[in-house]
Amino acid sequence: MPRSWEPAPSVENRAVAATVRTGTCSWVDELLAKNWYPKGVRSAEERLRYYAEHFDTVEVNSTYYRLPDEHMTSLWAERTPDDFTMHVKAFGLMTRHPVRLEALPPDLRDQVEPDARGRVDRPSRELRAEVFRRFHEALEPLRSTGRLGGILLQLPPYIVYRESSLEYLVWAQEQLRGDEALVEFRHASWLDDENRAATLAFLEGHAMTHVIVDAPRTGGRNVVPTVLALTTPTCYVRFHGRNAKTWNARGGSAAERFDHLYSEDELREWVDPLRELAGQAEQAFALFNTNNASDGVAQGPANADTLRRLLRESNVSVS
């Protein structure tokens, strides 16, 4: 359940509330293809067009594993309506995650020395900057057509609140060259009682959007508290489900970790907070990272549909 309400001081209440736009984190998961898309909707083009008929925003997660290319993003732009918004998750190396050597473009692989597990973990700042540059250029078709939302910078759970981490975020934002930074923390030190105010002030001072999360309350340090605060005019909420049993399971897939079909009561908890957040925001997004299936029901779209219905029934503006 949402725990606290801390509006950033400079984000003032607005006369007209932002419309809350719901969607999912990815439209290409295997279980979506099996349980949500109609049988005749098979190609990548058909699936994206079908998705865009039901939701007007999505978070692209495939870019965390591989750098996007301009050809692909131009196809995404062609296959979606003008008012469609795509948020794009940063490639793992951009957020200090280790990546497989094979995930790098071939011409960059000779510049790094992989570890014993074949991973690139500590590249030079120059190579990381080059990755940022290519990532930025690849998104131009989305940017030029007005479809690009923010860039999700999801930090690893081992990146804790400290000066060097703040410095890296400042540098990373510079590499985004004006694109909006959506910052998601995954270590509790960022938003615990000791550092919460400083973290929010830092994000606000650098015009970075605080990503609000709904996740299992495991009590572990790799889960941040749900802090309902805006640090920019963008409200961005990611729903990870509430499956505490699978959250820290070793060797499990993402579908297993985020395996949760929200109940109506669980999502109804968010109606009033989203009303308040949207009242202060210029734009508001609620994205579901629940990508498993329950009895043949694709959780992500089902959760997004349920939340949208509950908000509409409570006279909260939704798209």
Protein backbone atom coordinates (compact mmCIF):
# COMPACT_ATOMS: atom_id res chain seq x y z
CA MET A 1 0.00 0.00 0.00
CA PRO A 2 1.27 3.52 -0.76
CA ARG A 3 3.14 4.71 2.33
CA SER A 4 3.84 8.40 2.19
CA TRP A 5 2.92 11.59 0.43
CA GLU A 6 5.71 14.08 -0.15
CA PRO A 7 5.06 16.56 -2.96
CA ALA A 8 8.19 18.37 -4.07
CA PRO A 9 7.93 21.95 -2.84
CA SER A 10 8.37 23.61 -6.24
CA VAL A 11 5.80 21.46 -8.05
CA GLU A 12 2.66 23.43 -7.43
CA ASN A 13 -0.92 22.26 -7.71
CA ARG A 14 -2.36 22.78 -11.16
CA ALA A 15 -5.82 24.01 -12.09
CA VAL A 16 -6.23 21.13 -14.55
CA ALA A 17 -5.08 17.67 -13.54
CA ALA A 18 -2.95 15.64 -15.91
CA THR A 19 -4.56 12.69 -17.65
CA VAL A 20 -3.28 9.38 -16.25
CA ARG A 21 -2.03 7.15 -19.06
CA THR A 22 -1.72 3.44 -18.33
CA GLY A 23 0.26 0.79 -20.15
CA THR A 24 2.79 -1.99 -19.79
CA CYS A 25 6.56 -2.38 -19.64
CA SER A 26 7.07 -4.08 -23.02
CA TRP A 27 4.63 -5.23 -25.65
CA VAL A 28 6.64 -8.21 -26.93
CA ASP A 29 6.87 -10.62 -24.01
CA GLU A 30 6.30 -14.25 -24.91
CA LEU A 31 3.42 -14.60 -22.46
CA LEU A 32 1.73 -11.55 -23.94
CA ALA A 33 1.93 -13.16 -27.36
CA LYS A 34 0.42 -16.34 -25.97
CA ASN A 35 -2.27 -14.89 -23.71
CA TRP A 36 -3.23 -11.42 -24.91
CA TYR A 37 -2.78 -10.93 -28.62
CA PRO A 38 -5.41 -12.55 -30.84
CA LYS A 39 -4.20 -15.64 -32.68
CA GLY A 40 -4.06 -13.84 -36.01
CA VAL A 41 -1.84 -11.08 -34.64
CA ARG A 42 1.60 -12.58 -35.10
CA SER A 43 4.13 -10.22 -36.63
CA ALA A 44 6.02 -7.54 -34.74
CA GLU A 45 4.20 -4.87 -36.74
CA GLU A 46 0.76 -6.33 -36.05
CA ARG A 47 1.44 -6.63 -32.34
CA LEU A 48 2.60 -3.07 -31.89
CA ARG A 49 -0.35 -1.73 -33.87
CA TYR A 50 -2.73 -3.86 -31.80
CA TYR A 51 -1.13 -2.71 -28.55
CA ALA A 52 -1.45 0.94 -29.64
CA GLU A 53 -5.17 0.45 -30.21
CA HIS A 54 -5.57 -0.40 -26.49
CA PHE A 55 -2.97 1.79 -24.77
CA ASP A 56 -1.34 5.08 -25.71
CA THR A 57 1.92 4.60 -23.85
CA VAL A 58 4.48 1.85 -23.35
CA GLU A 59 7.88 1.33 -21.80
CA VAL A 60 10.44 -0.27 -24.10
CA ASN A 61 12.47 -2.75 -22.05
CA SER A 62 14.31 -4.62 -24.83
CA THR A 63 16.75 -1.70 -25.04
CA TYR A 64 18.13 -2.67 -21.63
CA TYR A 65 19.60 -5.81 -23.23
CA ARG A 66 20.67 -4.42 -26.61
CA LEU A 67 21.27 -0.96 -27.97
CA PRO A 68 18.42 0.13 -30.23
CA ASP A 69 19.05 1.10 -33.83
CA GLU A 70 17.49 3.87 -35.86
CA HIS A 71 15.84 1.52 -38.33
CA MET A 72 13.91 -0.21 -35.57
CA THR A 73 12.85 2.99 -33.82
CA SER A 74 11.66 4.45 -37.12
CA LEU A 75 9.41 1.40 -37.52
CA TRP A 76 8.07 1.95 -34.00
CA ALA A 77 7.23 5.53 -34.95
CA GLU A 78 5.51 4.45 -38.17
CA ARG A 79 3.39 1.83 -36.42
CA THR A 80 1.99 4.00 -33.64
CA PRO A 81 -0.41 6.98 -33.59
CA ASP A 82 0.85 10.55 -33.33
CA ASP A 83 -0.18 10.83 -29.67
CA PHE A 84 1.57 7.61 -28.63
CA THR A 85 4.38 7.92 -26.06
CA MET A 86 7.30 5.50 -25.78
CA HIS A 87 9.51 5.58 -22.71
CA VAL A 88 12.78 3.77 -23.30
CA LYS A 89 14.79 1.84 -20.75
CA ALA A 90 18.50 2.64 -20.83
CA PHE A 91 20.93 -0.02 -22.01
CA GLY A 92 22.43 -1.84 -19.03
CA LEU A 93 25.90 -0.36 -19.40
CA MET A 94 24.42 3.14 -19.16
CA THR A 95 23.13 2.44 -15.64
CA ARG A 96 26.23 0.64 -14.34
CA HIS A 97 24.90 -2.87 -14.87
CA PRO A 98 27.27 -5.52 -16.22
CA VAL A 99 26.38 -6.68 -19.73
CA ARG A 100 27.45 -9.62 -21.84
CA LEU A 101 30.27 -8.79 -24.23
CA GLU A 102 28.02 -9.92 -27.11
CA ALA A 103 25.52 -7.22 -26.19
CA LEU A 104 27.95 -4.52 -27.27
CA PRO A 105 28.15 -3.48 -30.94
CA PRO A 106 30.90 -5.54 -32.64
CA ASP A 107 33.21 -2.56 -33.19
CA LEU A 108 33.25 -1.75 -29.46
CA ARG A 109 34.05 -5.22 -28.18
CA ASP A 110 37.79 -4.94 -28.76
CA GLN A 111 37.91 -1.92 -26.46
CA VAL A 112 36.97 -3.85 -23.33
CA GLU A 113 38.26 -6.78 -21.34
CA PRO A 114 35.40 -9.03 -20.19
CA ASP A 115 35.53 -10.68 -16.79
CA ALA A 116 35.70 -14.44 -16.21
CA ARG A 117 31.97 -14.70 -16.86
CA GLY A 118 32.18 -12.95 -20.21
CA ARG A 119 30.67 -9.72 -18.89
CA VAL A 120 31.65 -6.09 -19.31
CA ASP A 121 31.44 -4.58 -15.86
CA ARG A 122 33.77 -1.60 -15.54
CA PRO A 123 34.25 0.01 -18.96
CA SER A 124 36.09 3.27 -19.44
CA ARG A 125 34.14 6.49 -19.14
CA GLU A 126 34.91 7.10 -22.83
CA LEU A 127 33.34 3.83 -23.93
CA ARG A 128 30.30 4.42 -21.74
CA ALA A 129 29.91 7.88 -23.28
CA GLU A 130 30.03 6.35 -26.76
CA VAL A 131 27.26 3.94 -25.78
CA PHE A 132 25.17 6.88 -24.58
CA ARG A 133 25.82 8.70 -27.86
CA ARG A 134 24.66 5.77 -29.99
CA PHE A 135 21.64 5.23 -27.79
CA HIS A 136 20.68 8.88 -28.18
CA GLU A 137 21.09 8.86 -31.97
CA ALA A 138 19.05 5.69 -32.35
CA LEU A 139 16.03 7.34 -30.71
CA GLU A 140 15.86 10.27 -33.14
CA PRO A 141 12.85 8.88 -35.10
CA LEU A 142 10.85 8.81 -31.85
CA ARG A 143 12.15 12.19 -30.74
CA SER A 144 11.51 13.97 -34.04
CA THR A 145 7.93 12.68 -34.25
CA GLY A 146 7.05 13.61 -30.69
CA ARG A 147 6.69 10.02 -29.52
CA LEU A 148 9.67 9.87 -27.18
CA GLY A 149 8.84 10.06 -23.48
CA GLY A 150 11.59 9.68 -20.91
CA ILE A 151 14.68 7.51 -20.59
CA LEU A 152 14.40 5.08 -17.69
CA LEU A 153 17.63 5.04 -15.70
CA GLN A 154 17.06 2.05 -13.42
CA LEU A 155 20.03 1.78 -11.09
CA PRO A 156 21.22 -1.63 -9.86
CA PRO A 157 20.38 -2.63 -6.28
CA TYR A 158 24.07 -2.35 -5.31
CA ILE A 159 24.26 1.35 -6.19
CA VAL A 160 23.69 3.08 -2.86
CA TYR A 161 23.18 6.70 -1.88
CA ARG A 162 26.59 8.40 -1.78
CA GLU A 163 28.41 11.26 -3.45
CA SER A 164 29.92 9.20 -6.27
CA SER A 165 26.46 7.86 -7.17
CA LEU A 166 25.06 11.40 -7.33
CA GLU A 167 27.97 12.47 -9.51
CA TYR A 168 27.31 9.60 -11.88
CA LEU A 169 23.66 10.56 -12.24
CA VAL A 170 24.64 14.11 -13.12
CA TRP A 171 27.06 12.82 -15.74
CA ALA A 172 24.51 10.37 -17.14
CA GLN A 173 21.91 13.09 -17.48
CA GLU A 174 24.39 15.17 -19.46
CA GLN A 175 24.84 12.25 -21.84
CA LEU A 176 21.08 12.16 -22.48
CA ARG A 177 21.44 15.51 -24.26
CA GLY A 178 18.14 16.96 -23.17
CA ASP A 179 16.01 13.81 -23.02
CA GLU A 180 14.13 13.41 -19.76
CA ALA A 181 15.82 11.25 -17.12
CA LEU A 182 13.43 8.93 -15.27
CA VAL A 183 15.39 7.70 -12.26
CA GLU A 184 14.45 4.48 -10.49
CA PHE A 185 16.37 3.45 -7.38
CA ARG A 186 16.62 -0.14 -6.23
CA HIS A 187 18.46 0.23 -2.95
CA ALA A 188 16.55 1.47 0.08
CA SER A 189 19.31 3.88 1.14
CA TRP A 190 18.11 6.40 -1.45
CA LEU A 191 14.64 6.79 0.04
CA ASP A 192 15.02 5.77 3.67
CA ASP A 193 14.36 8.24 6.45
CA GLU A 194 17.98 9.38 6.52
CA ASN A 195 18.41 10.26 2.83
CA ARG A 196 14.91 10.70 1.39
CA ALA A 197 14.76 14.48 1.60
CA ALA A 198 18.26 14.87 0.16
CA THR A 199 17.54 12.45 -2.69
CA LEU A 200 14.32 14.20 -3.67
CA ALA A 201 15.99 17.61 -3.44
CA PHE A 202 18.83 16.37 -5.65
CA LEU A 203 16.43 15.05 -8.30
CA GLU A 204 14.36 18.20 -8.25
CA GLY A 205 17.43 20.43 -8.40
CA HIS A 206 18.66 18.59 -11.50
CA ALA A 207 15.24 18.24 -13.18
CA MET A 208 15.30 14.45 -12.96
CA THR A 209 12.02 12.59 -12.56
CA HIS A 210 11.63 10.41 -9.49
CA VAL A 211 10.18 7.04 -10.51
CA ILE A 212 7.60 5.94 -7.95
CA VAL A 213 7.45 2.17 -7.44
CA ASP A 214 4.93 -0.31 -6.15
CA ALA A 215 6.79 -3.47 -5.12
CA PRO A 216 6.64 -6.24 -2.52
CA ARG A 217 7.35 -5.12 1.03
CA THR A 218 10.03 -7.70 1.73
CA GLY A 219 11.93 -5.64 4.27
CA GLY A 220 15.10 -6.11 2.20
CA ARG A 221 17.43 -3.32 1.19
CA ASN A 222 16.85 -4.08 -2.50
CA VAL A 223 13.31 -2.69 -2.28
CA VAL A 224 12.75 1.04 -1.99
CA PRO A 225 9.78 2.43 -0.08
CA THR A 226 6.89 3.80 -2.08
CA VAL A 227 7.39 7.55 -1.85
CA LEU A 228 4.66 9.51 -3.60
CA ALA A 229 6.69 12.56 -4.58
CA LEU A 230 7.09 14.58 -7.75
CA THR A 231 10.45 16.13 -8.57
CA THR A 232 9.47 17.30 -12.07
CA PRO A 233 6.10 17.90 -13.73
CA THR A 234 6.09 14.23 -14.75
CA CYS A 235 4.40 11.58 -12.62
CA TYR A 236 5.85 8.17 -13.44
CA VAL A 237 4.77 5.07 -11.52
CA ARG A 238 6.11 1.56 -12.15
CA PHE A 239 4.15 -1.39 -10.78
CA HIS A 240 6.37 -4.41 -10.10
CA GLY A 241 3.72 -6.54 -8.41
CA ARG A 242 3.67 -7.72 -4.81
CA ASN A 243 5.03 -11.23 -5.03
CA ALA A 244 7.44 -11.33 -2.10
CA LYS A 245 8.06 -15.07 -2.56
CA THR A 246 9.68 -14.67 -5.96
CA TRP A 247 11.33 -11.26 -5.53
CA ASN A 248 14.69 -12.60 -4.33
CA ALA A 249 14.50 -16.10 -5.79
CA ARG A 250 17.80 -17.02 -7.43
CA GLY A 251 17.80 -18.16 -11.02
CA GLY A 252 14.21 -17.19 -11.69
CA SER A 253 13.05 -15.39 -14.80
CA ALA A 254 11.70 -11.85 -14.91
CA ALA A 255 8.24 -13.28 -15.50
CA GLU A 256 8.52 -15.26 -12.28
CA ARG A 257 9.89 -12.37 -10.25
CA PHE A 258 7.16 -9.98 -11.36
CA ASP A 259 4.41 -12.58 -11.25
CA HIS A 260 1.40 -10.74 -9.85
CA LEU A 261 -2.16 -10.12 -10.92
CA TYR A 262 -3.24 -7.16 -8.79
CA SER A 263 -6.58 -7.42 -7.06
CA GLU A 264 -9.07 -4.60 -7.42
CA ASP A 265 -8.52 -3.70 -3.78
CA GLU A 266 -4.76 -3.43 -4.30
CA LEU A 267 -5.19 -1.13 -7.28
CA ARG A 268 -7.96 0.87 -5.62
CA GLU A 269 -5.33 1.90 -3.05
CA TRP A 270 -3.74 3.91 -5.85
CA VAL A 271 -6.80 5.86 -6.96
CA ASP A 272 -6.49 8.72 -4.46
CA PRO A 273 -2.68 8.96 -4.65
CA LEU A 274 -2.82 9.09 -8.45
CA ARG A 275 -5.54 11.72 -8.27
CA GLU A 276 -3.25 13.83 -6.05
CA LEU A 277 -0.17 13.23 -8.19
CA ALA A 278 -2.00 13.99 -11.43
CA GLY A 279 -3.30 17.18 -9.87
CA GLN A 280 0.28 18.40 -9.52
CA ALA A 281 1.67 16.97 -12.75
CA GLU A 282 1.68 18.01 -16.39
CA GLN A 283 1.77 14.39 -17.50
CA ALA A 284 1.16 11.14 -15.63
CA PHE A 285 2.02 7.55 -16.48
CA ALA A 286 1.30 4.24 -14.73
CA LEU A 287 3.24 1.33 -16.25
CA PHE A 288 2.94 -2.31 -15.24
CA ASN A 289 6.03 -4.50 -15.16
CA THR A 290 3.97 -7.58 -14.32
CA ASN A 291 4.73 -9.80 -17.29
CA ASN A 292 3.50 -13.24 -16.35
CA ALA A 293 0.09 -14.85 -16.87
CA SER A 294 -2.55 -16.02 -14.39
CA ASP A 295 -4.90 -18.74 -15.67
CA GLY A 296 -4.38 -17.58 -19.22
CA VAL A 297 -4.72 -13.88 -18.37
CA ALA A 298 -1.79 -11.66 -19.33
CA GLN A 299 -1.11 -9.76 -16.13
CA GLY A 300 0.32 -6.52 -17.54
CA PRO A 301 -2.61 -5.51 -19.78
CA ALA A 302 -5.14 -6.85 -17.27
CA ASN A 303 -3.63 -4.78 -14.47
CA ALA A 304 -3.43 -1.67 -16.66
CA ASP A 305 -7.06 -2.09 -17.76
CA THR A 306 -8.27 -2.56 -14.19
CA LEU A 307 -6.45 0.50 -12.90
CA ARG A 308 -7.75 2.59 -15.80
CA ARG A 309 -11.32 1.48 -15.08
CA LEU A 310 -11.03 2.20 -11.36
CA LEU A 311 -9.63 5.65 -12.04
CA ARG A 312 -12.38 6.40 -14.53
CA GLU A 313 -15.06 5.25 -12.09
CA SER A 314 -13.59 7.69 -9.55
CA ASN A 315 -13.66 10.58 -12.04
CA VAL A 316 -9.91 10.67 -12.49
CA SER A 317 -9.02 11.69 -16.05
CA VAL A 318 -7.59 8.72 -17.99
CA SER A 319 -6.80 8.03 -21.61
